[in-house]
Protein backbone atom coordinates (compact mmCIF):
# COMPACT_ATOMS: atom_id res chain seq x y z
CA UNK A 1 0.00 0.00 0.00
CA UNK A 2 1.31 3.41 -0.99
CA UNK A 3 2.24 5.50 2.05
CA UNK A 4 0.42 8.82 2.23
CA UNK A 5 2.79 11.73 2.76
CA UNK A 6 2.64 15.51 2.34
CA UNK A 7 3.25 15.18 -1.40
CA UNK A 8 0.09 13.09 -1.77
CA UNK A 9 -1.92 15.41 0.44
CA UNK A 10 -0.97 18.33 -1.84
CA UNK A 11 -2.07 16.28 -4.86
CA UNK A 12 -5.42 15.43 -3.21
CA UNK A 13 -6.04 19.06 -2.27
CA UNK A 14 -5.43 20.25 -5.83
CA UNK A 15 -8.54 18.46 -7.15
CA UNK A 16 -12.18 19.38 -6.75
CA UNK A 17 -13.01 15.78 -5.83
CA UNK A 18 -10.87 12.72 -5.06
CA UNK A 19 -11.96 9.10 -4.84
CA UNK A 20 -9.27 6.72 -3.65
CA UNK A 21 -10.04 3.06 -4.35
CA UNK A 22 -8.23 0.15 -2.73
CA UNK A 23 -8.60 -3.60 -2.70
CA UNK A 24 -7.91 -6.16 -0.01
CA UNK A 25 -6.90 -9.64 -1.10
CA UNK A 26 -7.28 -11.31 2.28
CA UNK A 27 -7.12 -10.69 6.02
CA UNK A 28 -4.12 -10.79 8.36
CA UNK A 29 -1.64 -13.55 7.42
CA UNK A 30 -3.64 -14.45 4.27
CA UNK A 31 -3.13 -10.89 2.99
CA UNK A 32 0.61 -11.21 3.63
CA UNK A 33 0.72 -14.61 1.90
CA UNK A 34 -1.04 -13.30 -1.21
CA UNK A 35 1.08 -10.12 -1.26
CA UNK A 36 4.62 -11.21 -0.33
CA UNK A 37 6.47 -8.55 1.64
CA UNK A 38 3.26 -6.73 2.56
CA UNK A 39 2.12 -6.09 6.12
CA UNK A 40 -1.59 -6.24 6.96
CA UNK A 41 -0.97 -4.09 10.04
CA UNK A 42 0.74 -1.45 7.88
CA UNK A 43 -2.19 -1.53 5.46
CA UNK A 44 -4.59 -0.89 8.36
CA UNK A 45 -2.42 1.99 9.57
CA UNK A 46 -2.50 3.54 6.10
CA UNK A 47 -6.28 3.23 5.93
CA UNK A 48 -6.56 4.88 9.36
CA UNK A 49 -4.24 7.67 8.17
CA UNK A 50 -6.30 8.19 5.02
CA UNK A 51 -9.50 8.30 7.08
CA UNK A 52 -7.99 11.03 9.27
CA UNK A 53 -6.77 12.99 6.24
CA UNK A 54 -10.15 12.69 4.53
CA UNK A 55 -11.80 14.63 7.35
CA UNK A 56 -9.70 17.68 6.42
CA UNK A 57 -10.11 17.47 2.64
CA UNK A 58 -13.53 18.33 1.23
CA UNK A 59 -14.96 15.89 -1.32
CA UNK A 60 -12.44 13.15 -0.49
CA UNK A 61 -13.81 9.61 -0.62
CA UNK A 62 -12.18 6.29 0.23
CA UNK A 63 -13.55 3.00 -1.09
CA UNK A 64 -12.15 -0.42 -0.16
CA UNK A 65 -13.22 -3.57 -1.98
CA UNK A 66 -12.48 -7.19 -1.27
CA UNK A 67 -10.92 -9.20 -4.07
CA UNK A 68 -12.45 -12.66 -4.25
CA UNK A 69 -10.16 -15.49 -5.28
CA UNK A 70 -9.51 -19.12 -4.44
CA UNK A 71 -6.81 -18.19 -1.92
CA UNK A 72 -9.18 -16.14 0.23
CA UNK A 73 -12.57 -17.78 -0.44
CA UNK A 74 -12.70 -19.40 3.02
CA UNK A 75 -12.26 -16.06 4.77
CA UNK A 76 -15.58 -14.56 3.59
PDB file of N, CA and C in Angstrom:
ATOM      1  N   UNK A   1       0.846  -1.170   0.000  1.00  0.00           N
ATOM      2  CA  UNK A   1       0.000   0.000   0.000  1.00  0.00           C
ATOM      3  C   UNK A   1       0.893   1.235   0.000  1.00  0.00           C
ATOM      4  N   UNK A   2       0.534   2.166  -0.835  1.00  0.00           N
ATOM      5  CA  UNK A   2       1.306   3.407  -0.988  1.00  0.00           C
ATOM      6  C   UNK A   2       1.187   4.262   0.274  1.00  0.00           C
ATOM      7  N   UNK A   3       2.330   4.616   0.890  1.00  0.00           N
ATOM      8  CA  UNK A   3       2.240   5.504   2.052  1.00  0.00           C
ATOM      9  C   UNK A   3       1.729   6.889   1.641  1.00  0.00           C
ATOM     10  N   UNK A   4       0.951   7.489   2.501  1.00  0.00           N
ATOM     11  CA  UNK A   4       0.415   8.819   2.235  1.00  0.00           C
ATOM     12  C   UNK A   4       1.304   9.833   2.958  1.00  0.00           C
ATOM     13  N   UNK A   5       1.916  10.711   2.184  1.00  0.00           N
ATOM     14  CA  UNK A   5       2.789  11.728   2.764  1.00  0.00           C
ATOM     15  C   UNK A   5       2.299  13.114   2.317  1.00  0.00           C
ATOM     16  N   UNK A   6       3.052  14.147   2.669  1.00  0.00           N
ATOM     17  CA  UNK A   6       2.639  15.511   2.344  1.00  0.00           C
ATOM     18  C   UNK A   6       2.500  15.720   0.841  1.00  0.00           C
ATOM     19  N   UNK A   7       3.340  15.061   0.050  1.00  0.00           N
ATOM     20  CA  UNK A   7       3.254  15.182  -1.402  1.00  0.00           C
ATOM     21  C   UNK A   7       1.871  14.739  -1.875  1.00  0.00           C
ATOM     22  N   UNK A   8       1.407  13.588  -1.382  1.00  0.00           N
ATOM     23  CA  UNK A   8       0.089  13.087  -1.774  1.00  0.00           C
ATOM     24  C   UNK A   8      -1.030  14.001  -1.291  1.00  0.00           C
ATOM     25  N   UNK A   9      -0.889  14.503  -0.090  1.00  0.00           N
ATOM     26  CA  UNK A   9      -1.922  15.408   0.436  1.00  0.00           C
ATOM     27  C   UNK A   9      -2.051  16.631  -0.461  1.00  0.00           C
ATOM     28  N   UNK A  10      -0.927  17.187  -0.918  1.00  0.00           N
ATOM     29  CA  UNK A  10      -0.969  18.329  -1.844  1.00  0.00           C
ATOM     30  C   UNK A  10      -1.661  17.948  -3.149  1.00  0.00           C
ATOM     31  N   UNK A  11      -1.405  16.747  -3.635  1.00  0.00           N
ATOM     32  CA  UNK A  11      -2.074  16.284  -4.858  1.00  0.00           C
ATOM     33  C   UNK A  11      -3.575  16.196  -4.615  1.00  0.00           C
ATOM     34  N   UNK A  12      -3.993  15.570  -3.512  1.00  0.00           N
ATOM     35  CA  UNK A  12      -5.417  15.428  -3.206  1.00  0.00           C
ATOM     36  C   UNK A  12      -6.095  16.791  -3.131  1.00  0.00           C
ATOM     37  N   UNK A  13      -5.435  17.746  -2.478  1.00  0.00           N
ATOM     38  CA  UNK A  13      -6.040  19.060  -2.272  1.00  0.00           C
ATOM     39  C   UNK A  13      -6.135  19.880  -3.563  1.00  0.00           C
ATOM     40  N   UNK A  14      -5.416  19.480  -4.590  1.00  0.00           N
ATOM     41  CA  UNK A  14      -5.430  20.252  -5.833  1.00  0.00           C
ATOM     42  C   UNK A  14      -6.615  19.896  -6.736  1.00  0.00           C
ATOM     43  N   UNK A  15      -7.389  18.870  -6.358  1.00  0.00           N
ATOM     44  CA  UNK A  15      -8.536  18.457  -7.153  1.00  0.00           C
ATOM     45  C   UNK A  15      -9.838  18.863  -6.477  1.00  0.00           C
ATOM     46  N   UNK A  16     -10.855  19.049  -7.274  1.00  0.00           N
ATOM     47  CA  UNK A  16     -12.181  19.377  -6.753  1.00  0.00           C
ATOM     48  C   UNK A  16     -12.762  18.206  -5.978  1.00  0.00           C
ATOM     49  N   UNK A  17     -12.502  16.990  -6.466  1.00  0.00           N
ATOM     50  CA  UNK A  17     -13.006  15.780  -5.827  1.00  0.00           C
ATOM     51  C   UNK A  17     -11.999  14.650  -6.029  1.00  0.00           C
ATOM     52  N   UNK A  18     -11.803  13.850  -4.997  1.00  0.00           N
ATOM     53  CA  UNK A  18     -10.871  12.719  -5.061  1.00  0.00           C
ATOM     54  C   UNK A  18     -11.572  11.477  -4.531  1.00  0.00           C
ATOM     55  N   UNK A  19     -11.492  10.401  -5.301  1.00  0.00           N
ATOM     56  CA  UNK A  19     -11.961   9.099  -4.842  1.00  0.00           C
ATOM     57  C   UNK A  19     -10.774   8.156  -4.897  1.00  0.00           C
ATOM     58  N   UNK A  20     -10.390   7.649  -3.755  1.00  0.00           N
ATOM     59  CA  UNK A  20      -9.271   6.719  -3.651  1.00  0.00           C
ATOM     60  C   UNK A  20      -9.856   5.322  -3.468  1.00  0.00           C
ATOM     61  N   UNK A  21      -9.493   4.414  -4.360  1.00  0.00           N
ATOM     62  CA  UNK A  21     -10.043   3.062  -4.346  1.00  0.00           C
ATOM     63  C   UNK A  21      -8.928   2.071  -4.036  1.00  0.00           C
ATOM     64  N   UNK A  22      -9.190   1.190  -3.085  1.00  0.00           N
ATOM     65  CA  UNK A  22      -8.229   0.150  -2.733  1.00  0.00           C
ATOM     66  C   UNK A  22      -8.897  -1.207  -2.725  1.00  0.00           C
ATOM     67  N   UNK A  23      -8.071  -2.244  -2.781  1.00  0.00           N
ATOM     68  CA  UNK A  23      -8.604  -3.602  -2.697  1.00  0.00           C
ATOM     69  C   UNK A  23      -7.835  -4.375  -1.636  1.00  0.00           C
ATOM     70  N   UNK A  24      -8.518  -5.303  -1.027  1.00  0.00           N
ATOM     71  CA  UNK A  24      -7.912  -6.158  -0.008  1.00  0.00           C
ATOM     72  C   UNK A  24      -8.046  -7.592  -0.484  1.00  0.00           C
ATOM     73  N   UNK A  25      -6.919  -8.272  -0.571  1.00  0.00           N
ATOM     74  CA  UNK A  25      -6.896  -9.636  -1.098  1.00  0.00           C
ATOM     75  C   UNK A  25      -7.184 -10.699  -0.044  1.00  0.00           C
ATOM     76  N   UNK A  26      -7.057 -10.357   1.203  1.00  0.00           N
ATOM     77  CA  UNK A  26      -7.277 -11.310   2.279  1.00  0.00           C
ATOM     78  C   UNK A  26      -7.085 -10.582   3.603  1.00  0.00           C
ATOM     79  N   UNK A  27      -7.246 -11.287   4.690  1.00  0.00           N
ATOM     80  CA  UNK A  27      -7.116 -10.693   6.015  1.00  0.00           C
ATOM     81  C   UNK A  27      -5.911 -11.267   6.744  1.00  0.00           C
ATOM     82  N   UNK A  28      -5.229 -10.397   7.500  1.00  0.00           N
ATOM     83  CA  UNK A  28      -4.122 -10.792   8.358  1.00  0.00           C
ATOM     84  C   UNK A  28      -3.057 -11.578   7.601  1.00  0.00           C
ATOM     85  N   UNK A  29      -2.725 -12.789   8.036  1.00  0.00           N
ATOM     86  CA  UNK A  29      -1.640 -13.550   7.417  1.00  0.00           C
ATOM     87  C   UNK A  29      -1.970 -13.963   5.983  1.00  0.00           C
ATOM     88  N   UNK A  30      -3.256 -14.106   5.648  1.00  0.00           N
ATOM     89  CA  UNK A  30      -3.636 -14.450   4.267  1.00  0.00           C
ATOM     90  C   UNK A  30      -3.281 -13.299   3.329  1.00  0.00           C
ATOM     91  N   UNK A  31      -3.511 -12.076   3.762  1.00  0.00           N
ATOM     92  CA  UNK A  31      -3.126 -10.889   2.995  1.00  0.00           C
ATOM     93  C   UNK A  31      -1.620 -10.911   2.724  1.00  0.00           C
ATOM     94  N   UNK A  32      -0.849 -11.204   3.755  1.00  0.00           N
ATOM     95  CA  UNK A  32       0.612 -11.210   3.634  1.00  0.00           C
ATOM     96  C   UNK A  32       1.106 -12.371   2.777  1.00  0.00           C
ATOM     97  N   UNK A  33       0.368 -13.483   2.762  1.00  0.00           N
ATOM     98  CA  UNK A  33       0.721 -14.614   1.902  1.00  0.00           C
ATOM     99  C   UNK A  33       0.464 -14.272   0.431  1.00  0.00           C
ATOM    100  N   UNK A  34      -0.671 -13.648   0.159  1.00  0.00           N
ATOM    101  CA  UNK A  34      -1.041 -13.304  -1.211  1.00  0.00           C
ATOM    102  C   UNK A  34      -0.155 -12.177  -1.748  1.00  0.00           C
ATOM    103  N   UNK A  35       0.217 -11.248  -0.873  1.00  0.00           N
ATOM    104  CA  UNK A  35       1.079 -10.118  -1.258  1.00  0.00           C
ATOM    105  C   UNK A  35       2.403 -10.217  -0.506  1.00  0.00           C
ATOM    106  N   UNK A  36       3.333 -11.018  -1.020  1.00  0.00           N
ATOM    107  CA  UNK A  36       4.622 -11.210  -0.326  1.00  0.00           C
ATOM    108  C   UNK A  36       5.310  -9.879  -0.018  1.00  0.00           C
ATOM    109  N   UNK A  37       5.793  -9.764   1.205  1.00  0.00           N
ATOM    110  CA  UNK A  37       6.469  -8.552   1.638  1.00  0.00           C
ATOM    111  C   UNK A  37       5.534  -7.491   2.198  1.00  0.00           C
ATOM    112  N   UNK A  38       4.233  -7.697   2.050  1.00  0.00           N
ATOM    113  CA  UNK A  38       3.262  -6.729   2.562  1.00  0.00           C
ATOM    114  C   UNK A  38       2.984  -6.995   4.039  1.00  0.00           C
ATOM    115  N   UNK A  39       2.491  -5.982   4.709  1.00  0.00           N
ATOM    116  CA  UNK A  39       2.118  -6.088   6.119  1.00  0.00           C
ATOM    117  C   UNK A  39       0.662  -5.670   6.271  1.00  0.00           C
ATOM    118  N   UNK A  40      -0.176  -6.570   6.758  1.00  0.00           N
ATOM    119  CA  UNK A  40      -1.587  -6.240   6.958  1.00  0.00           C
ATOM    120  C   UNK A  40      -1.729  -5.122   7.988  1.00  0.00           C
ATOM    121  N   UNK A  41      -0.912  -5.152   9.037  1.00  0.00           N
ATOM    122  CA  UNK A  41      -0.974  -4.089  10.044  1.00  0.00           C
ATOM    123  C   UNK A  41      -0.622  -2.734   9.429  1.00  0.00           C
ATOM    124  N   UNK A  42       0.363  -2.709   8.543  1.00  0.00           N
ATOM    125  CA  UNK A  42       0.741  -1.449   7.882  1.00  0.00           C
ATOM    126  C   UNK A  42      -0.395  -0.974   6.979  1.00  0.00           C
ATOM    127  N   UNK A  43      -1.051  -1.893   6.306  1.00  0.00           N
ATOM    128  CA  UNK A  43      -2.191  -1.525   5.455  1.00  0.00           C
ATOM    129  C   UNK A  43      -3.294  -0.888   6.300  1.00  0.00           C
ATOM    130  N   UNK A  44      -3.569  -1.459   7.468  1.00  0.00           N
ATOM    131  CA  UNK A  44      -4.588  -0.887   8.360  1.00  0.00           C
ATOM    132  C   UNK A  44      -4.187   0.503   8.838  1.00  0.00           C
ATOM    133  N   UNK A  45      -2.904   0.680   9.142  1.00  0.00           N
ATOM    134  CA  UNK A  45      -2.415   1.993   9.572  1.00  0.00           C
ATOM    135  C   UNK A  45      -2.604   3.027   8.468  1.00  0.00           C
ATOM    136  N   UNK A  46      -2.332   2.628   7.227  1.00  0.00           N
ATOM    137  CA  UNK A  46      -2.498   3.545   6.098  1.00  0.00           C
ATOM    138  C   UNK A  46      -3.963   3.914   5.914  1.00  0.00           C
ATOM    139  N   UNK A  47      -4.854   2.947   6.049  1.00  0.00           N
ATOM    140  CA  UNK A  47      -6.283   3.231   5.935  1.00  0.00           C
ATOM    141  C   UNK A  47      -6.720   4.188   7.045  1.00  0.00           C
ATOM    142  N   UNK A  48      -6.245   3.970   8.261  1.00  0.00           N
ATOM    143  CA  UNK A  48      -6.560   4.884   9.363  1.00  0.00           C
ATOM    144  C   UNK A  48      -6.040   6.292   9.066  1.00  0.00           C
ATOM    145  N   UNK A  49      -4.818   6.374   8.519  1.00  0.00           N
ATOM    146  CA  UNK A  49      -4.236   7.668   8.167  1.00  0.00           C
ATOM    147  C   UNK A  49      -5.075   8.362   7.101  1.00  0.00           C
ATOM    148  N   UNK A  50      -5.483   7.613   6.086  1.00  0.00           N
ATOM    149  CA  UNK A  50      -6.304   8.186   5.020  1.00  0.00           C
ATOM    150  C   UNK A  50      -7.648   8.658   5.569  1.00  0.00           C
ATOM    151  N   UNK A  51      -8.223   7.891   6.480  1.00  0.00           N
ATOM    152  CA  UNK A  51      -9.497   8.300   7.081  1.00  0.00           C
ATOM    153  C   UNK A  51      -9.346   9.626   7.828  1.00  0.00           C
ATOM    154  N   UNK A  52      -8.256   9.777   8.546  1.00  0.00           N
ATOM    155  CA  UNK A  52      -7.995  11.025   9.270  1.00  0.00           C
ATOM    156  C   UNK A  52      -7.809  12.183   8.295  1.00  0.00           C
ATOM    157  N   UNK A  53      -7.011  11.959   7.249  1.00  0.00           N
ATOM    158  CA  UNK A  53      -6.770  12.994   6.242  1.00  0.00           C
ATOM    159  C   UNK A  53      -8.073  13.393   5.559  1.00  0.00           C
ATOM    160  N   UNK A  54      -8.916  12.416   5.285  1.00  0.00           N
ATOM    161  CA  UNK A  54     -10.153  12.686   4.535  1.00  0.00           C
ATOM    162  C   UNK A  54     -11.082  13.637   5.277  1.00  0.00           C
ATOM    163  N   UNK A  55     -10.960  13.714   6.578  1.00  0.00           N
ATOM    164  CA  UNK A  55     -11.804  14.628   7.350  1.00  0.00           C
ATOM    165  C   UNK A  55     -11.430  16.085   7.094  1.00  0.00           C
ATOM    166  N   UNK A  56     -10.178  16.313   6.656  1.00  0.00           N
ATOM    167  CA  UNK A  56      -9.700  17.677   6.424  1.00  0.00           C
ATOM    168  C   UNK A  56      -9.774  18.097   4.961  1.00  0.00           C
ATOM    169  N   UNK A  57     -10.064  17.159   4.069  1.00  0.00           N
ATOM    170  CA  UNK A  57     -10.105  17.471   2.644  1.00  0.00           C
ATOM    171  C   UNK A  57     -11.548  17.326   2.155  1.00  0.00           C
ATOM    172  N   UNK A  58     -12.149  18.414   1.733  1.00  0.00           N
ATOM    173  CA  UNK A  58     -13.533  18.330   1.231  1.00  0.00           C
ATOM    174  C   UNK A  58     -13.614  17.444  -0.010  1.00  0.00           C
ATOM    175  N   UNK A  59     -14.694  16.738  -0.157  1.00  0.00           N
ATOM    176  CA  UNK A  59     -14.957  15.888  -1.325  1.00  0.00           C
ATOM    177  C   UNK A  59     -13.917  14.786  -1.521  1.00  0.00           C
ATOM    178  N   UNK A  60     -13.385  14.266  -0.437  1.00  0.00           N
ATOM    179  CA  UNK A  60     -12.444  13.148  -0.492  1.00  0.00           C
ATOM    180  C   UNK A  60     -13.204  11.885  -0.083  1.00  0.00           C
ATOM    181  N   UNK A  61     -13.087  10.849  -0.889  1.00  0.00           N
ATOM    182  CA  UNK A  61     -13.805   9.610  -0.619  1.00  0.00           C
ATOM    183  C   UNK A  61     -12.835   8.429  -0.695  1.00  0.00           C
ATOM    184  N   UNK A  62     -12.982   7.511   0.216  1.00  0.00           N
ATOM    185  CA  UNK A  62     -12.179   6.293   0.232  1.00  0.00           C
ATOM    186  C   UNK A  62     -13.108   5.100   0.073  1.00  0.00           C
ATOM    187  N   UNK A  63     -12.760   4.221  -0.863  1.00  0.00           N
ATOM    188  CA  UNK A  63     -13.546   3.004  -1.088  1.00  0.00           C
ATOM    189  C   UNK A  63     -12.585   1.815  -1.031  1.00  0.00           C
ATOM    190  N   UNK A  64     -12.952   0.791  -0.270  1.00  0.00           N
ATOM    191  CA  UNK A  64     -12.149  -0.425  -0.158  1.00  0.00           C
ATOM    192  C   UNK A  64     -13.021  -1.595  -0.591  1.00  0.00           C
ATOM    193  N   UNK A  65     -12.505  -2.400  -1.485  1.00  0.00           N
ATOM    194  CA  UNK A  65     -13.219  -3.573  -1.978  1.00  0.00           C
ATOM    195  C   UNK A  65     -12.434  -4.832  -1.647  1.00  0.00           C
ATOM    196  N   UNK A  66     -13.144  -5.904  -1.445  1.00  0.00           N
ATOM    197  CA  UNK A  66     -12.475  -7.192  -1.270  1.00  0.00           C
ATOM    198  C   UNK A  66     -12.308  -7.834  -2.641  1.00  0.00           C
ATOM    199  N   UNK A  67     -11.206  -8.516  -2.812  1.00  0.00           N
ATOM    200  CA  UNK A  67     -10.917  -9.199  -4.066  1.00  0.00           C
ATOM    201  C   UNK A  67     -11.126 -10.686  -3.841  1.00  0.00           C
ATOM    202  N   UNK A  68     -12.164 -11.241  -4.424  1.00  0.00           N
ATOM    203  CA  UNK A  68     -12.455 -12.660  -4.246  1.00  0.00           C
ATOM    204  C   UNK A  68     -11.566 -13.513  -5.139  1.00  0.00           C
ATOM    205  N   UNK A  69     -10.992 -14.533  -4.541  1.00  0.00           N
ATOM    206  CA  UNK A  69     -10.164 -15.485  -5.275  1.00  0.00           C
ATOM    207  C   UNK A  69     -10.081 -16.796  -4.491  1.00  0.00           C
ATOM    208  N   UNK A  70      -9.590 -17.813  -5.091  1.00  0.00           N
ATOM    209  CA  UNK A  70      -9.514 -19.122  -4.439  1.00  0.00           C
ATOM    210  C   UNK A  70      -8.722 -19.051  -3.135  1.00  0.00           C
ATOM    211  N   UNK A  71      -7.650 -18.256  -3.101  1.00  0.00           N
ATOM    212  CA  UNK A  71      -6.808 -18.191  -1.921  1.00  0.00           C
ATOM    213  C   UNK A  71      -7.473 -17.541  -0.712  1.00  0.00           C
ATOM    214  N   UNK A  72      -8.532 -16.769  -0.914  1.00  0.00           N
ATOM    215  CA  UNK A  72      -9.185 -16.142   0.230  1.00  0.00           C
ATOM    216  C   UNK A  72     -10.655 -16.494   0.354  1.00  0.00           C
ATOM    217  N   UNK A  73     -11.135 -17.441  -0.432  1.00  0.00           N
ATOM    218  CA  UNK A  73     -12.567 -17.783  -0.441  1.00  0.00           C
ATOM    219  C   UNK A  73     -13.069 -18.226   0.936  1.00  0.00           C
ATOM    220  N   UNK A  74     -12.249 -18.896   1.720  1.00  0.00           N
ATOM    221  CA  UNK A  74     -12.698 -19.399   3.020  1.00  0.00           C
ATOM    222  C   UNK A  74     -12.751 -18.311   4.080  1.00  0.00           C
ATOM    223  N   UNK A  75     -12.252 -17.134   3.793  1.00  0.00           N
ATOM    224  CA  UNK A  75     -12.262 -16.059   4.774  1.00  0.00           C
ATOM    225  C   UNK A  75     -13.534 -15.225   4.734  1.00  0.00           C
ATOM    226  N   UNK A  76     -14.374 -15.409   3.733  1.00  0.00           N
ATOM    227  CA  UNK A  76     -15.576 -14.564   3.590  1.00  0.00           C
ATOM    228  C   UNK A  76     -16.823 -15.303   3.925  1.00  0.00           C
TER     229      UNK A  76
END
